[in-house]
Structures are given as C-alpha cells and as structure tokens.
N, C-alpha and C. Protein backbone atom coordinates (compact mmCIF):
# COMPACT_ATOMS: atom_id res chain seq x y z
N MET A 1 -89.18 -88.58 245.46
CA MET A 1 -90.34 -88.01 244.80
C MET A 1 -90.92 -86.94 245.72
N SER A 2 -91.29 -85.82 245.14
CA SER A 2 -91.84 -84.73 245.94
C SER A 2 -93.26 -85.07 246.38
N ALA A 3 -93.74 -84.33 247.37
CA ALA A 3 -95.10 -84.54 247.87
C ALA A 3 -96.12 -84.25 246.77
N GLN A 4 -95.85 -83.24 245.95
CA GLN A 4 -96.77 -82.89 244.87
C GLN A 4 -96.82 -84.01 243.82
N ALA A 5 -95.68 -84.55 243.47
CA ALA A 5 -95.64 -85.62 242.48
C ALA A 5 -96.35 -86.86 243.02
N SER A 6 -96.17 -87.15 244.29
CA SER A 6 -96.85 -88.28 244.91
C SER A 6 -98.36 -88.08 244.90
N ALA A 7 -98.80 -86.88 245.21
CA ALA A 7 -100.23 -86.57 245.20
C ALA A 7 -100.80 -86.73 243.80
N ASN A 8 -100.05 -86.27 242.78
CA ASN A 8 -100.51 -86.41 241.40
C ASN A 8 -100.62 -87.87 240.99
N ASN A 9 -99.65 -88.70 241.41
CA ASN A 9 -99.71 -90.13 241.11
C ASN A 9 -100.93 -90.77 241.76
N ASN A 10 -101.22 -90.40 243.01
CA ASN A 10 -102.37 -90.96 243.71
C ASN A 10 -103.67 -90.57 243.02
N ARG A 11 -103.74 -89.34 242.51
CA ARG A 11 -104.94 -88.88 241.81
C ARG A 11 -105.21 -89.70 240.56
N SER A 12 -104.15 -90.04 239.84
CA SER A 12 -104.34 -90.79 238.60
C SER A 12 -104.80 -92.21 238.88
N GLU A 13 -104.55 -92.73 240.08
CA GLU A 13 -104.97 -94.07 240.45
C GLU A 13 -106.41 -94.11 240.96
N VAL A 14 -106.97 -92.98 241.34
CA VAL A 14 -108.33 -92.92 241.86
C VAL A 14 -109.31 -93.03 240.72
N GLU A 15 -110.37 -93.80 240.94
CA GLU A 15 -111.41 -93.93 239.91
C GLU A 15 -112.02 -92.56 239.62
N GLN A 16 -112.10 -92.22 238.38
CA GLN A 16 -112.66 -90.93 238.00
C GLN A 16 -114.18 -91.02 237.94
N ILE A 17 -114.83 -89.98 238.41
CA ILE A 17 -116.29 -89.90 238.39
C ILE A 17 -116.69 -89.16 237.13
N GLU A 18 -117.62 -89.75 236.39
CA GLU A 18 -118.07 -89.10 235.17
C GLU A 18 -118.83 -87.83 235.53
N GLN A 19 -118.45 -86.73 234.93
CA GLN A 19 -119.09 -85.45 235.18
C GLN A 19 -120.13 -85.20 234.09
N ILE A 20 -121.28 -84.73 234.50
CA ILE A 20 -122.30 -84.36 233.52
C ILE A 20 -122.22 -82.87 233.27
N LYS A 21 -122.69 -82.45 232.12
CA LYS A 21 -122.65 -81.03 231.78
C LYS A 21 -123.91 -80.37 232.30
N ALA A 22 -124.00 -80.25 233.62
CA ALA A 22 -125.17 -79.63 234.25
C ALA A 22 -124.71 -79.01 235.56
N ALA A 23 -125.38 -77.95 235.91
CA ALA A 23 -125.07 -77.28 237.18
C ALA A 23 -125.57 -78.13 238.35
N ASP A 24 -125.01 -77.91 239.50
CA ASP A 24 -125.42 -78.66 240.69
C ASP A 24 -126.90 -78.48 241.00
N TRP A 25 -127.46 -77.33 240.66
CA TRP A 25 -128.84 -77.06 241.01
C TRP A 25 -129.84 -77.89 240.22
N THR A 26 -129.37 -78.67 239.25
CA THR A 26 -130.29 -79.52 238.49
C THR A 26 -130.67 -80.78 239.26
N ASP A 27 -130.02 -81.03 240.39
CA ASP A 27 -130.38 -82.19 241.21
C ASP A 27 -131.84 -82.10 241.60
N MET A 28 -132.48 -83.24 241.75
CA MET A 28 -133.91 -83.26 242.04
C MET A 28 -134.23 -83.15 243.53
N ASP A 29 -133.22 -83.04 244.37
CA ASP A 29 -133.48 -82.96 245.80
C ASP A 29 -133.51 -81.52 246.32
N LEU A 30 -133.66 -80.57 245.42
CA LEU A 30 -133.72 -79.18 245.84
C LEU A 30 -135.07 -78.87 246.48
N LEU A 31 -135.05 -77.90 247.34
CA LEU A 31 -136.27 -77.43 247.98
C LEU A 31 -137.07 -76.62 246.97
N THR A 32 -138.29 -77.07 246.68
CA THR A 32 -139.14 -76.34 245.74
C THR A 32 -139.86 -75.22 246.48
N ARG A 33 -140.43 -74.31 245.73
CA ARG A 33 -141.22 -73.24 246.35
C ARG A 33 -142.43 -73.82 247.08
N ASP A 34 -143.05 -74.85 246.49
CA ASP A 34 -144.20 -75.47 247.15
C ASP A 34 -143.80 -76.07 248.50
N LEU A 35 -142.70 -76.81 248.51
CA LEU A 35 -142.25 -77.42 249.76
C LEU A 35 -141.82 -76.35 250.76
N ALA A 36 -141.13 -75.32 250.29
CA ALA A 36 -140.73 -74.22 251.18
C ALA A 36 -141.97 -73.56 251.77
N GLY A 37 -143.01 -73.40 250.96
CA GLY A 37 -144.26 -72.82 251.45
C GLY A 37 -144.90 -73.68 252.52
N GLU A 38 -144.89 -74.99 252.30
CA GLU A 38 -145.46 -75.90 253.30
C GLU A 38 -144.68 -75.83 254.61
N LEU A 39 -143.36 -75.77 254.50
CA LEU A 39 -142.53 -75.67 255.71
C LEU A 39 -142.78 -74.34 256.42
N LEU A 40 -142.94 -73.28 255.66
CA LEU A 40 -143.25 -71.98 256.26
C LEU A 40 -144.62 -72.01 256.94
N ASP A 41 -145.61 -72.64 256.30
CA ASP A 41 -146.93 -72.75 256.91
C ASP A 41 -146.84 -73.45 258.27
N THR A 42 -146.06 -74.50 258.34
CA THR A 42 -145.87 -75.23 259.60
C THR A 42 -145.21 -74.35 260.65
N GLU A 43 -144.19 -73.60 260.22
CA GLU A 43 -143.48 -72.73 261.16
C GLU A 43 -144.36 -71.57 261.61
N ILE A 44 -145.19 -71.04 260.71
CA ILE A 44 -146.11 -69.97 261.08
C ILE A 44 -147.09 -70.47 262.14
N ASP A 45 -147.63 -71.67 261.94
CA ASP A 45 -148.54 -72.25 262.93
C ASP A 45 -147.86 -72.41 264.29
N ALA A 46 -146.62 -72.91 264.26
CA ALA A 46 -145.87 -73.10 265.51
C ALA A 46 -145.60 -71.76 266.19
N GLU A 47 -145.27 -70.75 265.40
CA GLU A 47 -144.99 -69.43 265.97
C GLU A 47 -146.26 -68.81 266.56
N GLU A 48 -147.40 -69.04 265.91
CA GLU A 48 -148.66 -68.55 266.46
C GLU A 48 -148.97 -69.23 267.80
N GLN A 49 -148.64 -70.51 267.93
CA GLN A 49 -148.82 -71.20 269.21
C GLN A 49 -147.89 -70.63 270.27
N ARG A 50 -146.65 -70.31 269.88
CA ARG A 50 -145.72 -69.70 270.83
C ARG A 50 -146.19 -68.30 271.23
N LEU A 51 -146.82 -67.60 270.30
CA LEU A 51 -147.38 -66.28 270.60
C LEU A 51 -148.48 -66.41 271.65
N THR A 52 -149.37 -67.37 271.46
CA THR A 52 -150.45 -67.60 272.43
C THR A 52 -149.87 -67.97 273.79
N ALA A 53 -148.86 -68.82 273.79
CA ALA A 53 -148.24 -69.24 275.04
C ALA A 53 -147.60 -68.05 275.76
N ALA A 54 -146.94 -67.19 275.00
CA ALA A 54 -146.30 -66.01 275.61
C ALA A 54 -147.35 -65.06 276.15
N THR A 55 -148.44 -64.91 275.44
CA THR A 55 -149.52 -64.02 275.86
C THR A 55 -150.15 -64.51 277.16
N ASP A 56 -150.26 -65.83 277.31
CA ASP A 56 -150.91 -66.42 278.48
C ASP A 56 -149.96 -66.80 279.61
N ASP A 57 -148.67 -66.55 279.45
CA ASP A 57 -147.69 -66.98 280.46
C ASP A 57 -147.76 -66.07 281.69
N PRO A 58 -148.21 -66.61 282.83
CA PRO A 58 -148.35 -65.79 284.03
C PRO A 58 -147.01 -65.43 284.68
N GLU A 59 -145.94 -66.12 284.28
CA GLU A 59 -144.63 -65.86 284.88
C GLU A 59 -143.90 -64.68 284.23
N LEU A 60 -144.43 -64.17 283.13
CA LEU A 60 -143.80 -63.04 282.46
C LEU A 60 -144.33 -61.73 283.02
N SER A 61 -143.43 -60.79 283.15
CA SER A 61 -143.86 -59.43 283.52
C SER A 61 -144.54 -58.80 282.30
N ASP A 62 -145.22 -57.70 282.52
CA ASP A 62 -145.88 -57.01 281.41
C ASP A 62 -144.88 -56.63 280.32
N GLU A 63 -143.71 -56.17 280.74
CA GLU A 63 -142.68 -55.77 279.78
C GLU A 63 -142.16 -56.98 279.01
N GLN A 64 -141.91 -58.08 279.70
CA GLN A 64 -141.44 -59.29 279.03
C GLN A 64 -142.51 -59.81 278.06
N ARG A 65 -143.74 -59.79 278.50
CA ARG A 65 -144.85 -60.27 277.66
C ARG A 65 -144.96 -59.40 276.40
N ARG A 66 -144.90 -58.10 276.57
CA ARG A 66 -144.98 -57.17 275.45
C ARG A 66 -143.84 -57.42 274.45
N ALA A 67 -142.63 -57.61 274.97
CA ALA A 67 -141.47 -57.86 274.11
C ALA A 67 -141.61 -59.20 273.38
N ALA A 68 -142.08 -60.22 274.09
CA ALA A 68 -142.26 -61.53 273.47
C ALA A 68 -143.33 -61.50 272.40
N VAL A 69 -144.42 -60.83 272.68
CA VAL A 69 -145.51 -60.72 271.71
C VAL A 69 -145.03 -59.95 270.47
N GLU A 70 -144.33 -58.85 270.69
CA GLU A 70 -143.84 -58.04 269.57
C GLU A 70 -142.90 -58.86 268.69
N LEU A 71 -142.00 -59.60 269.31
CA LEU A 71 -141.05 -60.43 268.57
C LEU A 71 -141.79 -61.48 267.75
N ARG A 72 -142.72 -62.18 268.38
CA ARG A 72 -143.47 -63.24 267.69
C ARG A 72 -144.30 -62.67 266.54
N GLU A 73 -144.97 -61.55 266.77
CA GLU A 73 -145.80 -60.95 265.72
C GLU A 73 -144.95 -60.48 264.55
N ARG A 74 -143.78 -59.91 264.85
CA ARG A 74 -142.88 -59.46 263.78
C ARG A 74 -142.40 -60.65 262.96
N ARG A 75 -142.07 -61.72 263.65
CA ARG A 75 -141.61 -62.94 262.97
C ARG A 75 -142.71 -63.53 262.10
N ILE A 76 -143.93 -63.58 262.63
CA ILE A 76 -145.06 -64.12 261.85
C ILE A 76 -145.30 -63.27 260.61
N ARG A 77 -145.26 -61.95 260.76
CA ARG A 77 -145.46 -61.06 259.60
C ARG A 77 -144.40 -61.31 258.53
N ALA A 78 -143.15 -61.45 258.96
CA ALA A 78 -142.06 -61.68 258.00
C ALA A 78 -142.23 -63.01 257.28
N MET A 79 -142.59 -64.05 258.02
CA MET A 79 -142.79 -65.35 257.40
C MET A 79 -143.97 -65.33 256.43
N ARG A 80 -145.05 -64.64 256.80
CA ARG A 80 -146.20 -64.53 255.90
C ARG A 80 -145.84 -63.77 254.63
N GLU A 81 -145.01 -62.75 254.76
CA GLU A 81 -144.57 -61.99 253.59
C GLU A 81 -143.77 -62.87 252.64
N VAL A 82 -142.85 -63.63 253.20
CA VAL A 82 -142.06 -64.56 252.37
C VAL A 82 -142.98 -65.60 251.75
N ARG A 83 -143.92 -66.09 252.55
CA ARG A 83 -144.85 -67.12 252.05
C ARG A 83 -145.67 -66.60 250.88
N SER A 84 -146.15 -65.38 250.96
CA SER A 84 -146.95 -64.84 249.86
C SER A 84 -146.09 -64.66 248.61
N GLY A 85 -144.84 -64.33 248.79
CA GLY A 85 -143.93 -64.22 247.65
C GLY A 85 -143.69 -65.55 246.97
N LEU A 86 -143.66 -66.62 247.75
CA LEU A 86 -143.48 -67.95 247.18
C LEU A 86 -144.70 -68.35 246.36
N SER A 87 -145.87 -67.95 246.81
CA SER A 87 -147.11 -68.30 246.12
C SER A 87 -147.23 -67.58 244.78
N GLU A 88 -146.64 -66.39 244.71
CA GLU A 88 -146.76 -65.58 243.50
C GLU A 88 -145.87 -66.06 242.36
N GLN A 89 -144.78 -66.77 242.70
CA GLN A 89 -143.83 -67.21 241.68
C GLN A 89 -143.83 -68.72 241.58
N PRO A 90 -144.16 -69.28 240.43
CA PRO A 90 -144.11 -70.73 240.28
C PRO A 90 -142.66 -71.21 240.23
N ASP A 91 -142.45 -72.48 240.53
CA ASP A 91 -141.12 -73.06 240.40
C ASP A 91 -140.72 -73.03 238.94
N PRO A 92 -139.46 -72.74 238.64
CA PRO A 92 -139.03 -72.80 237.25
C PRO A 92 -139.09 -74.24 236.76
N ALA A 93 -139.24 -74.41 235.48
CA ALA A 93 -139.28 -75.77 234.93
C ALA A 93 -137.96 -76.46 235.21
N ALA A 94 -138.05 -77.70 235.61
CA ALA A 94 -136.84 -78.48 235.88
C ALA A 94 -136.10 -78.72 234.58
N THR A 95 -134.80 -78.68 234.65
CA THR A 95 -133.99 -78.98 233.46
C THR A 95 -133.23 -80.26 233.71
N SER A 96 -133.19 -81.09 232.75
CA SER A 96 -132.45 -82.34 232.90
C SER A 96 -131.09 -82.15 232.26
N PRO A 97 -130.13 -82.97 232.65
CA PRO A 97 -128.81 -82.87 232.05
C PRO A 97 -128.86 -83.04 230.52
N ALA A 98 -129.77 -83.87 230.02
CA ALA A 98 -129.87 -84.08 228.58
C ALA A 98 -130.23 -82.78 227.85
N ALA A 99 -131.04 -81.95 228.51
CA ALA A 99 -131.46 -80.69 227.88
C ALA A 99 -130.30 -79.70 227.77
N LEU A 100 -129.26 -79.91 228.53
CA LEU A 100 -128.15 -78.97 228.52
C LEU A 100 -127.06 -79.35 227.54
N ASN A 101 -127.17 -80.51 226.92
CA ASN A 101 -126.12 -80.96 225.98
C ASN A 101 -126.15 -80.19 224.71
C-alpha cells in the first residue's frame, strides 16, 4: 500500500468534527474594540510612565534623553490616534452560526 493510500485510510478512521457554516471570526473570543481600547489605555499609561522615567533618568546624556523622549512621545501619539479611531467605530453586531444558515 502506498503512503498516500495509508494516509487516506487513517483519515477515514479519525473521528470527524462537525463543521458549522460560519467563518472563524464568529467565535466569541475575539478582541472587541472596547477591549482593545482598554488595553491601549493601559499601554498609554505605561508608556507615559516610561516617558517620565526617561525624562528624569540622570544616567542618560542629553542626546539619549532627547531620543528617548521623542520615541516615547511618538509612540504615545500613535497609540492615542488608534485609540480615538476605536472609539469612533462601534463593534459590528455579533453573528451567530444560526444566522448564517
């Protein structure tokens, strides 16, 4: 028996999983916009603390401090921009597999 024929026989012996007529994204464990916003809020707060720490770090040279502050501020601005975009768009209504039949 060829390797392909053997593999086909093994597949027919495996318990088949019932497939639903729904896309993978219908699972309820997806990250919602609200949850993504909360996670971004937490990260923005943490980045602001890192910004303060970089500003107050006596071991950094002026150039290093300037670069660290610029990086942190740019990152905070980008996260705030994404966060405001999340607030503007509500999560789409959840669809259940039954609705797709």
